[in-house]
Amino acid sequence: MVAVAAAILAIAALVVGVIDLARPAPTAQPSAPAAASTSAAPAPARNTTDDADRALCSAIAPLMADYDRTSNAWTGSGDPGTPERDAALPKYRSDTEDWAGRIQDLLDAHQDADPLFKRTLQRFIDDRVLMVRNMRPGPSKTYDDEAWADSMTAYGGPLSVCWKLGIKWQ
């Protein structure tokens, strides 16, 4: 359980670092001529979605925390391929499908949030639904592991936005 939480935090840190690297560096502005007007025009208002993002984060935080507990319980039920883990799969699948429906409703109700935030949350929801629909009892398949890892990359979207706004669910 601790390993899963550590992996989630490591992936989130990686995502935040990659986002920071992808931002363009500020460009140097040429010097203003000496005869330039002394009155400066007001800077245009920066278009921000912080309020909308905060509203979506506040709405999803309880469901994200709930799903973290659900996933941790499933991974803690035993190693892949063990009878305990195989027995836990139907509940994990139904819990995931139920969670996806509830969080989808919240996402749909917050269309004014940042587009990247919405896309990564949507991708996380979709990835998890597809993952559980394709999982089968028995030893872990390569594509199951890849689907899990891919969904965790998408998880970094909502995690990074919400944590930046001070809304945490872990």
Protein backbone atom coordinates (compact mmCIF):
# COMPACT_ATOMS: atom_id res chain seq x y z
CA MET A 1 0.00 0.00 0.00
CA VAL A 2 2.85 2.36 0.83
CA ALA A 3 4.57 1.36 -2.40
CA VAL A 4 1.46 2.27 -4.43
CA ALA A 5 1.23 5.67 -2.72
CA ALA A 6 4.93 6.27 -3.30
CA ALA A 7 4.56 5.30 -6.96
CA ILE A 8 1.61 7.68 -7.35
CA LEU A 9 3.56 10.55 -5.81
CA ALA A 10 6.61 9.78 -7.95
CA ILE A 11 4.52 9.79 -11.12
CA ALA A 12 2.83 13.04 -10.07
CA ALA A 13 6.22 14.66 -9.47
CA LEU A 14 7.39 13.47 -12.87
CA VAL A 15 4.30 14.89 -14.57
CA VAL A 16 4.70 18.26 -12.83
CA GLY A 17 8.40 18.35 -13.79
CA VAL A 18 7.63 17.56 -17.42
CA ILE A 19 4.95 20.27 -17.51
CA ASP A 20 7.44 22.81 -16.15
CA LEU A 21 10.02 21.76 -18.74
CA ALA A 22 7.50 22.11 -21.55
CA ARG A 23 6.73 25.74 -20.75
CA PRO A 24 8.45 28.13 -23.14
CA ALA A 25 11.19 30.32 -21.71
CA PRO A 26 10.37 34.02 -21.52
CA THR A 27 11.75 35.99 -24.42
CA ALA A 28 13.73 39.18 -23.99
CA GLN A 29 11.83 42.32 -24.80
CA PRO A 30 13.58 45.04 -26.79
CA SER A 31 14.37 48.24 -24.90
CA ALA A 32 11.80 50.96 -25.21
CA PRO A 33 12.98 54.01 -27.14
CA ALA A 34 13.90 57.00 -24.99
CA ALA A 35 11.08 59.04 -26.50
CA ALA A 36 8.41 56.49 -25.61
CA SER A 37 5.27 57.64 -23.89
CA THR A 38 5.47 57.73 -20.10
CA SER A 39 1.96 56.40 -19.62
CA ALA A 40 1.84 52.62 -19.84
CA ALA A 41 -1.24 50.82 -21.02
CA PRO A 42 -2.68 48.47 -18.42
CA ALA A 43 -1.62 44.88 -18.87
CA PRO A 44 -4.37 42.73 -20.33
CA ALA A 45 -6.13 40.56 -17.79
CA ARG A 46 -4.72 37.06 -17.73
CA ASN A 47 -7.29 34.46 -18.66
CA THR A 48 -7.30 31.95 -15.84
CA THR A 49 -9.41 28.98 -14.97
CA ASP A 50 -8.28 28.76 -11.33
CA ASP A 51 -11.80 29.27 -9.95
CA ALA A 52 -13.29 26.68 -12.30
CA ASP A 53 -10.39 24.29 -11.62
CA ARG A 54 -10.83 24.75 -7.88
CA ALA A 55 -14.55 23.97 -8.18
CA LEU A 56 -13.83 20.78 -10.15
CA CYS A 57 -11.06 19.76 -7.75
CA SER A 58 -13.35 20.26 -4.76
CA ALA A 59 -16.05 18.20 -6.44
CA ILE A 60 -13.80 15.27 -7.41
CA ALA A 61 -11.53 15.12 -4.34
CA PRO A 62 -13.81 12.81 -2.30
CA LEU A 63 -14.26 10.47 -5.27
CA MET A 64 -10.55 10.44 -6.06
CA ALA A 65 -9.79 9.58 -2.42
CA ASP A 66 -12.45 6.87 -2.50
CA TYR A 67 -11.02 5.38 -5.69
CA ASP A 68 -7.48 5.48 -4.29
CA ARG A 69 -8.76 3.39 -1.36
CA THR A 70 -10.54 1.03 -3.77
CA SER A 71 -7.41 0.54 -5.89
CA ASN A 72 -5.19 0.12 -2.84
CA ALA A 73 -7.55 -2.49 -1.41
CA TRP A 74 -7.52 -4.41 -4.68
CA THR A 75 -3.74 -4.32 -5.09
CA GLY A 76 -3.43 -5.24 -1.41
CA SER A 77 -5.66 -8.28 -1.85
CA GLY A 78 -2.73 -10.36 -3.07
CA ASP A 79 -0.19 -10.72 -5.83
CA PRO A 80 -1.44 -10.92 -9.42
CA GLY A 81 -2.58 -14.43 -10.23
CA THR A 82 -3.25 -15.47 -6.63
CA PRO A 83 -6.70 -16.81 -5.73
CA GLU A 84 -7.25 -13.83 -3.40
CA ARG A 85 -6.51 -11.26 -6.11
CA ASP A 86 -8.56 -13.14 -8.69
CA ALA A 87 -11.48 -13.31 -6.25
CA ALA A 88 -11.24 -9.54 -5.66
CA LEU A 89 -11.33 -8.67 -9.38
CA PRO A 90 -15.14 -8.67 -9.90
CA LYS A 91 -15.63 -6.23 -7.00
CA TYR A 92 -12.79 -4.03 -8.22
CA ARG A 93 -14.34 -4.02 -11.69
CA SER A 94 -17.83 -3.10 -10.43
CA ASP A 95 -16.45 -0.50 -7.99
CA THR A 96 -14.45 1.07 -10.82
CA GLU A 97 -17.43 1.19 -13.17
CA ASP A 98 -19.59 2.75 -10.43
CA TRP A 99 -16.89 5.30 -9.58
CA ALA A 100 -16.44 6.17 -13.26
CA GLY A 101 -20.12 6.98 -13.66
CA ARG A 102 -20.16 9.21 -10.60
CA ILE A 103 -16.97 11.12 -11.43
CA GLN A 104 -18.00 11.47 -15.09
CA ASP A 105 -21.12 13.33 -13.96
CA LEU A 106 -18.93 15.78 -12.00
CA LEU A 107 -16.55 16.30 -14.92
CA ASP A 108 -19.47 16.92 -17.28
CA ALA A 109 -20.86 19.55 -14.88
CA HIS A 110 -17.58 21.54 -14.85
CA GLN A 111 -16.96 22.35 -18.51
CA ASP A 112 -15.31 25.69 -17.71
CA ALA A 113 -12.23 24.06 -16.13
CA ASP A 114 -8.84 24.09 -17.84
CA PRO A 115 -8.91 21.95 -21.01
CA LEU A 116 -5.78 19.96 -20.08
CA PHE A 117 -7.23 19.26 -16.63
CA LYS A 118 -10.48 18.03 -18.17
CA ARG A 119 -8.70 15.91 -20.80
CA THR A 120 -6.38 14.22 -18.31
CA LEU A 121 -9.21 13.52 -15.88
CA GLN A 122 -11.30 12.12 -18.75
CA ARG A 123 -8.37 9.99 -19.83
CA PHE A 124 -7.89 8.66 -16.30
CA ILE A 125 -11.56 7.73 -16.09
CA ASP A 126 -11.54 6.09 -19.53
CA ASP A 127 -8.24 4.29 -18.92
CA ARG A 128 -9.50 2.76 -15.69
CA VAL A 129 -12.79 1.60 -17.19
CA LEU A 130 -11.06 0.03 -20.18
CA MET A 131 -8.43 -1.53 -17.93
CA VAL A 132 -10.92 -3.31 -15.66
CA ARG A 133 -13.07 -4.41 -18.57
CA ASN A 134 -10.06 -6.11 -20.15
CA MET A 135 -8.50 -7.65 -17.02
CA ARG A 136 -8.82 -11.37 -16.54
CA PRO A 137 -8.03 -13.60 -13.57
CA GLY A 138 -4.59 -15.13 -13.54
CA PRO A 139 -1.08 -13.78 -13.75
CA SER A 140 -0.69 -10.14 -14.71
CA LYS A 141 -0.54 -9.57 -18.45
CA THR A 142 1.87 -7.09 -19.99
CA TYR A 143 -1.00 -5.01 -21.33
CA ASP A 144 -2.63 -4.89 -17.87
CA ASP A 145 0.59 -3.49 -16.41
CA GLU A 146 0.93 -1.01 -19.28
CA ALA A 147 -2.70 0.07 -18.94
CA TRP A 148 -2.19 0.63 -15.21
CA ALA A 149 0.99 2.68 -15.80
CA ASP A 150 -0.66 4.71 -18.57
CA SER A 151 -3.64 5.51 -16.37
CA MET A 152 -1.29 6.69 -13.63
CA THR A 153 0.25 9.17 -16.07
CA ALA A 154 -3.24 10.57 -16.72
CA TYR A 155 -3.85 10.63 -12.94
CA GLY A 156 -1.01 13.14 -12.74
CA GLY A 157 -3.15 15.73 -14.55
CA PRO A 158 -5.86 16.16 -11.92
CA LEU A 159 -3.36 15.51 -9.13
CA SER A 160 -0.99 18.29 -10.23
CA VAL A 161 -3.76 20.84 -10.87
CA CYS A 162 -5.59 20.16 -7.62
CA TRP A 163 -2.49 19.98 -5.44
CA LYS A 164 -1.27 23.29 -6.91
CA LEU A 165 -4.59 24.77 -5.77
CA GLY A 166 -4.18 23.24 -2.30
CA ILE A 167 -6.81 20.52 -2.74
CA LYS A 168 -5.46 17.10 -1.83
CA TRP A 169 -7.15 13.78 -1.44
CA GLN A 170 -4.41 11.53 -0.12
